[in-house]
Amino acid sequence: MQFTAEEAGTLEQILKWRRDVRHFRTDPVPEDIMARLQAAMAAAPSVGNARPWRVFRVKDPDLRSAVRAGFERCNREAAAGYDDASRADYMRLKLAGLDAAPEHLAVFTVTDPEAGRGLGRRTMPETLHQSTAMAVHTLWLAARAENLGLGMVSILDPGDIERLFDVPDGWEFSAYLCIGWPEFTDDTPLLHRVGWQENLPTDWVER
């Protein structure tokens, strides 16, 4: 299939406007859209076609509350690691959309899946986690194309999340995602807007 310049431009806009969203409306996401997001994630590449990602759609209020409590604890510990000036900047950041986002996804990676029969990962087993990361990014772009926001909550203890969801041995926590309609759209990333850090260029160096 050949894509047009207009279609390439649409992808460029989706990439440009992809954001780690923290401010959500509480409106539910229709099931047909969630089905399209699931299908988009299934289209992601993976090492040896291993498909190592496993996803829980977290609806249970008690599970959500436990994740929220874990975030609060880890956030306090993270804040304590900064000096006074940086801690004040840190505490002004909104680092999670856990309270308002209507959809929560807990994503895990199977570290020894039968699928793929080991192809491509014998010397680089980390490619399983890389495959899950590509699946998350594919989902992220698909959500943006649906005019949804997605935010990744990284201030969590992986072991706590694995125990909370009672996952089998060999499953490792990869990502906790909040999805919903953003309260606002902005072409300036949050960390730029608050002066935390600008994007750094990615140099391609000839060797």
C-alpha atoms as a PDB file:
ATOM      1  CA  MET A   1       0.000   0.000   0.000  1.00  0.00           C
ATOM      2  CA  GLN A   2       1.228   3.488  -0.834  1.00  0.00           C
ATOM      3  CA  PHE A   3       0.329   6.327   1.525  1.00  0.00           C
ATOM      4  CA  THR A   4      -0.301   9.863   0.353  1.00  0.00           C
ATOM      5  CA  ALA A   5       1.551  12.958   1.516  1.00  0.00           C
ATOM      6  CA  GLU A   6      -1.675  14.027   3.237  1.00  0.00           C
ATOM      7  CA  GLU A   7      -1.806  10.758   5.178  1.00  0.00           C
ATOM      8  CA  ALA A   8       1.863  11.124   6.119  1.00  0.00           C
ATOM      9  CA  GLY A   9       1.059  14.617   7.347  1.00  0.00           C
ATOM     10  CA  THR A  10      -1.727  13.239   9.527  1.00  0.00           C
ATOM     11  CA  LEU A  11       0.719  10.849  11.176  1.00  0.00           C
ATOM     12  CA  GLU A  12       3.126  13.738  11.743  1.00  0.00           C
ATOM     13  CA  GLN A  13       0.356  15.658  13.504  1.00  0.00           C
ATOM     14  CA  ILE A  14      -0.543  12.642  15.661  1.00  0.00           C
ATOM     15  CA  LEU A  15       3.112  12.319  16.697  1.00  0.00           C
ATOM     16  CA  LYS A  16       3.386  16.045  17.379  1.00  0.00           C
ATOM     17  CA  TRP A  17       0.216  16.144  19.476  1.00  0.00           C
ATOM     18  CA  ARG A  18       0.852  12.957  21.433  1.00  0.00           C
ATOM     19  CA  ARG A  19       0.928  13.901  25.091  1.00  0.00           C
ATOM     20  CA  ASP A  20       1.345  12.231  28.464  1.00  0.00           C
ATOM     21  CA  VAL A  21      -2.063  13.413  29.666  1.00  0.00           C
ATOM     22  CA  ARG A  22      -2.767  14.002  33.372  1.00  0.00           C
ATOM     23  CA  HIS A  23      -5.991  16.027  33.288  1.00  0.00           C
ATOM     24  CA  PHE A  24      -9.019  13.966  32.271  1.00  0.00           C
ATOM     25  CA  ARG A  25     -12.745  14.405  32.077  1.00  0.00           C
ATOM     26  CA  THR A  26     -14.722  11.614  33.700  1.00  0.00           C
ATOM     27  CA  ASP A  27     -16.925  10.873  30.650  1.00  0.00           C
ATOM     28  CA  PRO A  28     -16.833   7.166  29.745  1.00  0.00           C
ATOM     29  CA  VAL A  29     -15.053   5.985  26.614  1.00  0.00           C
ATOM     30  CA  PRO A  30     -17.465   4.142  24.279  1.00  0.00           C
ATOM     31  CA  GLU A  31     -16.901   0.413  23.938  1.00  0.00           C
ATOM     32  CA  ASP A  32     -16.420   0.585  20.176  1.00  0.00           C
ATOM     33  CA  ILE A  33     -13.473   2.937  20.675  1.00  0.00           C
ATOM     34  CA  MET A  34     -11.970   0.678  23.345  1.00  0.00           C
ATOM     35  CA  ALA A  35     -12.292  -2.227  20.906  1.00  0.00           C
ATOM     36  CA  ARG A  36     -10.393  -0.257  18.269  1.00  0.00           C
ATOM     37  CA  LEU A  37      -7.651   0.534  20.774  1.00  0.00           C
ATOM     38  CA  GLN A  38      -7.374  -3.146  21.658  1.00  0.00           C
ATOM     39  CA  ALA A  39      -7.082  -4.013  17.965  1.00  0.00           C
ATOM     40  CA  ALA A  40      -4.425  -1.334  17.451  1.00  0.00           C
ATOM     41  CA  MET A  41      -2.342  -2.728  20.302  1.00  0.00           C
ATOM     42  CA  ALA A  42      -2.624  -6.200  18.773  1.00  0.00           C
ATOM     43  CA  ALA A  43      -1.106  -4.803  15.558  1.00  0.00           C
ATOM     44  CA  ALA A  44       2.123  -3.785  17.311  1.00  0.00           C
ATOM     45  CA  PRO A  45       5.409  -5.485  16.376  1.00  0.00           C
ATOM     46  CA  SER A  46       7.068  -7.956  18.733  1.00  0.00           C
ATOM     47  CA  VAL A  47      10.252  -9.997  18.816  1.00  0.00           C
ATOM     48  CA  GLY A  48       9.710 -13.354  17.122  1.00  0.00           C
ATOM     49  CA  ASN A  49       5.965 -12.590  17.149  1.00  0.00           C
ATOM     50  CA  ALA A  50       6.057 -13.470  20.846  1.00  0.00           C
ATOM     51  CA  ARG A  51       3.227 -11.038  21.785  1.00  0.00           C
ATOM     52  CA  PRO A  52       4.477 -10.886  25.394  1.00  0.00           C
ATOM     53  CA  TRP A  53       2.159  -8.146  26.681  1.00  0.00           C
ATOM     54  CA  ARG A  54      -0.749  -8.981  28.966  1.00  0.00           C
ATOM     55  CA  VAL A  55      -3.352  -6.352  29.840  1.00  0.00           C
ATOM     56  CA  PHE A  56      -5.854  -5.966  32.661  1.00  0.00           C
ATOM     57  CA  ARG A  57      -8.671  -3.476  32.158  1.00  0.00           C
ATOM     58  CA  VAL A  58      -8.959  -2.301  35.751  1.00  0.00           C
ATOM     59  CA  LYS A  59     -12.564  -1.700  36.765  1.00  0.00           C
ATOM     60  CA  ASP A  60     -12.588  -2.856  40.389  1.00  0.00           C
ATOM     61  CA  PRO A  61     -12.744   0.194  42.735  1.00  0.00           C
ATOM     62  CA  ASP A  62     -10.669  -1.570  45.391  1.00  0.00           C
ATOM     63  CA  LEU A  63      -7.883  -2.321  42.921  1.00  0.00           C
ATOM     64  CA  ARG A  64      -7.926   1.262  41.701  1.00  0.00           C
ATOM     65  CA  SER A  65      -7.772   2.544  45.269  1.00  0.00           C
ATOM     66  CA  ALA A  66      -4.841   0.268  46.039  1.00  0.00           C
ATOM     67  CA  VAL A  67      -2.962   1.518  42.970  1.00  0.00           C
ATOM     68  CA  ARG A  68      -3.714   5.098  44.040  1.00  0.00           C
ATOM     69  CA  ALA A  69      -2.354   4.413  47.532  1.00  0.00           C
ATOM     70  CA  GLY A  70       0.789   2.873  46.060  1.00  0.00           C
ATOM     71  CA  PHE A  71       1.300   5.919  43.868  1.00  0.00           C
ATOM     72  CA  GLU A  72       0.922   8.282  46.838  1.00  0.00           C
ATOM     73  CA  ARG A  73       3.520   6.365  48.846  1.00  0.00           C
ATOM     74  CA  CYS A  74       6.014   6.200  45.984  1.00  0.00           C
ATOM     75  CA  ASN A  75       5.423   9.861  45.164  1.00  0.00           C
ATOM     76  CA  ARG A  76       6.234  10.917  48.726  1.00  0.00           C
ATOM     77  CA  GLU A  77       9.423   8.841  48.627  1.00  0.00           C
ATOM     78  CA  ALA A  78      10.408  10.349  45.279  1.00  0.00           C
ATOM     79  CA  ALA A  79       9.811  13.903  46.524  1.00  0.00           C
ATOM     80  CA  ALA A  80      12.039  13.267  49.537  1.00  0.00           C
ATOM     81  CA  GLY A  81      14.970  12.601  47.189  1.00  0.00           C
ATOM     82  CA  TYR A  82      15.082  16.210  45.921  1.00  0.00           C
ATOM     83  CA  ASP A  83      16.589  19.262  47.580  1.00  0.00           C
ATOM     84  CA  ASP A  84      14.165  21.849  48.952  1.00  0.00           C
ATOM     85  CA  ALA A  85      13.996  23.986  45.806  1.00  0.00           C
ATOM     86  CA  SER A  86      13.575  21.051  43.428  1.00  0.00           C
ATOM     87  CA  ARG A  87      11.090  19.385  45.801  1.00  0.00           C
ATOM     88  CA  ALA A  88       8.834  22.421  45.597  1.00  0.00           C
ATOM     89  CA  ASP A  89       8.952  22.236  41.794  1.00  0.00           C
ATOM     90  CA  TYR A  90       8.298  18.501  41.931  1.00  0.00           C
ATOM     91  CA  MET A  91       5.270  18.823  44.183  1.00  0.00           C
ATOM     92  CA  ARG A  92       3.689  21.320  41.769  1.00  0.00           C
ATOM     93  CA  LEU A  93       3.677  18.704  39.014  1.00  0.00           C
ATOM     94  CA  LYS A  94       0.528  16.699  38.411  1.00  0.00           C
ATOM     95  CA  LEU A  95       1.991  13.260  37.873  1.00  0.00           C
ATOM     96  CA  ALA A  96      -1.069  11.039  37.542  1.00  0.00           C
ATOM     97  CA  GLY A  97      -4.601  11.080  36.213  1.00  0.00           C
ATOM     98  CA  LEU A  98      -5.736   8.215  38.414  1.00  0.00           C
ATOM     99  CA  ASP A  99      -8.733   9.940  39.969  1.00  0.00           C
ATOM    100  CA  ALA A 100     -10.616  11.143  36.884  1.00  0.00           C
ATOM    101  CA  ALA A 101      -9.574   8.884  33.985  1.00  0.00           C
ATOM    102  CA  PRO A 102     -12.445   6.505  33.164  1.00  0.00           C
ATOM    103  CA  GLU A 103     -10.171   3.743  31.868  1.00  0.00           C
ATOM    104  CA  HIS A 104      -7.187   2.159  33.612  1.00  0.00           C
ATOM    105  CA  LEU A 105      -4.982  -0.505  32.019  1.00  0.00           C
ATOM    106  CA  ALA A 106      -2.332  -2.509  33.873  1.00  0.00           C
ATOM    107  CA  VAL A 107       0.205  -3.916  31.415  1.00  0.00           C
ATOM    108  CA  PHE A 108       2.578  -6.789  32.137  1.00  0.00           C
ATOM    109  CA  THR A 109       5.284  -8.595  30.163  1.00  0.00           C
ATOM    110  CA  VAL A 110       5.600 -12.388  30.103  1.00  0.00           C
ATOM    111  CA  THR A 111       9.322 -13.086  30.344  1.00  0.00           C
ATOM    112  CA  ASP A 112       9.285 -16.601  28.838  1.00  0.00           C
ATOM    113  CA  PRO A 113       6.276 -16.851  26.513  1.00  0.00           C
ATOM    114  CA  GLU A 114       5.705 -19.993  24.467  1.00  0.00           C
ATOM    115  CA  ALA A 115       4.711 -17.858  21.488  1.00  0.00           C
ATOM    116  CA  GLY A 116       7.641 -17.051  19.263  1.00  0.00           C
ATOM    117  CA  ARG A 117       9.571 -20.126  20.452  1.00  0.00           C
ATOM    118  CA  GLY A 118      12.497 -17.997  21.581  1.00  0.00           C
ATOM    119  CA  LEU A 119      13.158 -16.423  18.188  1.00  0.00           C
ATOM    120  CA  GLY A 120      15.274 -13.268  18.359  1.00  0.00           C
ATOM    121  CA  ARG A 121      15.582 -13.052  22.119  1.00  0.00           C
ATOM    122  CA  ARG A 122      18.172 -15.651  23.150  1.00  0.00           C
ATOM    123  CA  THR A 123      20.983 -13.099  23.403  1.00  0.00           C
ATOM    124  CA  MET A 124      18.729 -10.104  24.076  1.00  0.00           C
ATOM    125  CA  PRO A 125      15.855 -11.170  26.355  1.00  0.00           C
ATOM    126  CA  GLU A 126      15.123  -7.497  27.013  1.00  0.00           C
ATOM    127  CA  THR A 127      13.485  -7.406  23.577  1.00  0.00           C
ATOM    128  CA  LEU A 128      10.379  -8.852  25.242  1.00  0.00           C
ATOM    129  CA  HIS A 129      10.038  -5.705  27.348  1.00  0.00           C
ATOM    130  CA  GLN A 130      10.871  -3.628  24.294  1.00  0.00           C
ATOM    131  CA  SER A 131       8.038  -5.372  22.465  1.00  0.00           C
ATOM    132  CA  THR A 132       5.614  -4.443  25.228  1.00  0.00           C
ATOM    133  CA  ALA A 133       6.873  -0.855  25.089  1.00  0.00           C
ATOM    134  CA  MET A 134       6.158  -0.778  21.335  1.00  0.00           C
ATOM    135  CA  ALA A 135       2.663  -2.118  21.980  1.00  0.00           C
ATOM    136  CA  VAL A 136       2.057   0.624  24.550  1.00  0.00           C
ATOM    137  CA  HIS A 137       3.303   3.279  22.119  1.00  0.00           C
ATOM    138  CA  THR A 138       1.084   1.895  19.354  1.00  0.00           C
ATOM    139  CA  LEU A 139      -1.883   2.111  21.731  1.00  0.00           C
ATOM    140  CA  TRP A 140      -0.848   5.651  22.666  1.00  0.00           C
ATOM    141  CA  LEU A 141      -0.872   6.861  19.064  1.00  0.00           C
ATOM    142  CA  ALA A 142      -4.157   5.097  18.368  1.00  0.00           C
ATOM    143  CA  ALA A 143      -5.714   6.783  21.407  1.00  0.00           C
ATOM    144  CA  ARG A 144      -4.524  10.177  20.202  1.00  0.00           C
ATOM    145  CA  ALA A 145      -6.013   9.493  16.761  1.00  0.00           C
ATOM    146  CA  GLU A 146      -9.354   8.923  18.551  1.00  0.00           C
ATOM    147  CA  ASN A 147      -8.891  12.324  20.268  1.00  0.00           C
ATOM    148  CA  LEU A 148      -8.337  10.550  23.571  1.00  0.00           C
ATOM    149  CA  GLY A 149      -5.595  11.244  26.074  1.00  0.00           C
ATOM    150  CA  LEU A 150      -3.308   8.616  27.580  1.00  0.00           C
ATOM    151  CA  GLY A 151      -1.074   9.009  30.614  1.00  0.00           C
ATOM    152  CA  MET A 152       1.488   6.554  31.963  1.00  0.00           C
ATOM    153  CA  VAL A 153       1.826   6.301  35.747  1.00  0.00           C
ATOM    154  CA  SER A 154       5.450   5.347  36.372  1.00  0.00           C
ATOM    155  CA  ILE A 155       5.689   6.256  40.075  1.00  0.00           C
ATOM    156  CA  LEU A 156       4.709   2.785  41.283  1.00  0.00           C
ATOM    157  CA  ASP A 157       6.528  -0.146  42.835  1.00  0.00           C
ATOM    158  CA  PRO A 158       6.571  -2.999  40.288  1.00  0.00           C
ATOM    159  CA  GLY A 159       6.629  -5.721  42.940  1.00  0.00           C
ATOM    160  CA  ASP A 160       3.649  -4.197  44.720  1.00  0.00           C
ATOM    161  CA  ILE A 161       1.660  -4.059  41.472  1.00  0.00           C
ATOM    162  CA  GLU A 162       2.528  -7.665  40.614  1.00  0.00           C
ATOM    163  CA  ARG A 163       1.338  -8.795  44.043  1.00  0.00           C
ATOM    164  CA  LEU A 164      -1.763  -6.615  43.898  1.00  0.00           C
ATOM    165  CA  PHE A 165      -2.868  -8.182  40.603  1.00  0.00           C
ATOM    166  CA  ASP A 166      -1.716 -11.649  41.690  1.00  0.00           C
ATOM    167  CA  VAL A 167       0.021 -12.307  38.375  1.00  0.00           C
ATOM    168  CA  PRO A 168       1.689 -15.644  37.571  1.00  0.00           C
ATOM    169  CA  ASP A 169       5.408 -16.200  38.006  1.00  0.00           C
ATOM    170  CA  GLY A 170       7.302 -14.790  35.054  1.00  0.00           C
ATOM    171  CA  TRP A 171       4.972 -11.834  34.550  1.00  0.00           C
ATOM    172  CA  GLU A 172       6.688  -8.487  35.135  1.00  0.00           C
ATOM    173  CA  PHE A 173       4.931  -5.148  35.524  1.00  0.00           C
ATOM    174  CA  SER A 174       5.519  -2.828  32.553  1.00  0.00           C
ATOM    175  CA  ALA A 175       3.053   0.069  32.628  1.00  0.00           C
ATOM    176  CA  TYR A 176      -0.055   1.483  34.260  1.00  0.00           C
ATOM    177  CA  LEU A 177      -2.051   3.575  31.796  1.00  0.00           C
ATOM    178  CA  CYS A 178      -4.890   6.055  32.262  1.00  0.00           C
ATOM    179  CA  ILE A 179      -7.112   6.728  29.240  1.00  0.00           C
ATOM    180  CA  GLY A 180      -9.908   9.211  28.759  1.00  0.00           C
ATOM    181  CA  TRP A 181     -10.979  12.485  27.223  1.00  0.00           C
ATOM    182  CA  PRO A 182      -8.465  15.236  28.055  1.00  0.00           C
ATOM    183  CA  GLU A 183      -9.739  18.307  29.903  1.00  0.00           C
ATOM    184  CA  PHE A 184      -7.822  20.458  27.412  1.00  0.00           C
ATOM    185  CA  THR A 185      -5.421  20.089  24.515  1.00  0.00           C
ATOM    186  CA  ASP A 186      -2.100  21.884  24.387  1.00  0.00           C
ATOM    187  CA  ASP A 187       0.769  21.756  21.914  1.00  0.00           C
ATOM    188  CA  THR A 188       3.221  22.366  24.774  1.00  0.00           C
ATOM    189  CA  PRO A 189       4.110  19.293  26.862  1.00  0.00           C
ATOM    190  CA  LEU A 190       3.447  19.590  30.596  1.00  0.00           C
ATOM    191  CA  LEU A 191       7.110  19.436  31.619  1.00  0.00           C
ATOM    192  CA  HIS A 192       7.925  22.218  29.147  1.00  0.00           C
ATOM    193  CA  ARG A 193       5.028  24.341  30.346  1.00  0.00           C
ATOM    194  CA  VAL A 194       6.082  24.194  33.992  1.00  0.00           C
ATOM    195  CA  GLY A 195       9.786  24.674  33.246  1.00  0.00           C
ATOM    196  CA  TRP A 196      10.915  21.211  34.368  1.00  0.00           C
ATOM    197  CA  GLN A 197      12.795  20.260  31.207  1.00  0.00           C
ATOM    198  CA  GLU A 198      12.651  20.960  27.490  1.00  0.00           C
ATOM    199  CA  ASN A 199      12.983  18.222  24.889  1.00  0.00           C
ATOM    200  CA  LEU A 200      16.582  17.373  24.105  1.00  0.00           C
ATOM    201  CA  PRO A 201      17.536  16.764  20.481  1.00  0.00           C
ATOM    202  CA  THR A 202      18.203  13.256  19.239  1.00  0.00           C
ATOM    203  CA  ASP A 203      21.456  13.324  17.299  1.00  0.00           C
ATOM    204  CA  TRP A 204      22.071  10.833  14.526  1.00  0.00           C
ATOM    205  CA  VAL A 205      25.851  10.422  14.430  1.00  0.00           C
ATOM    206  CA  GLU A 206      27.653   8.928  11.457  1.00  0.00           C
ATOM    207  CA  ARG A 207      30.246   6.289  12.293  1.00  0.00           C
END
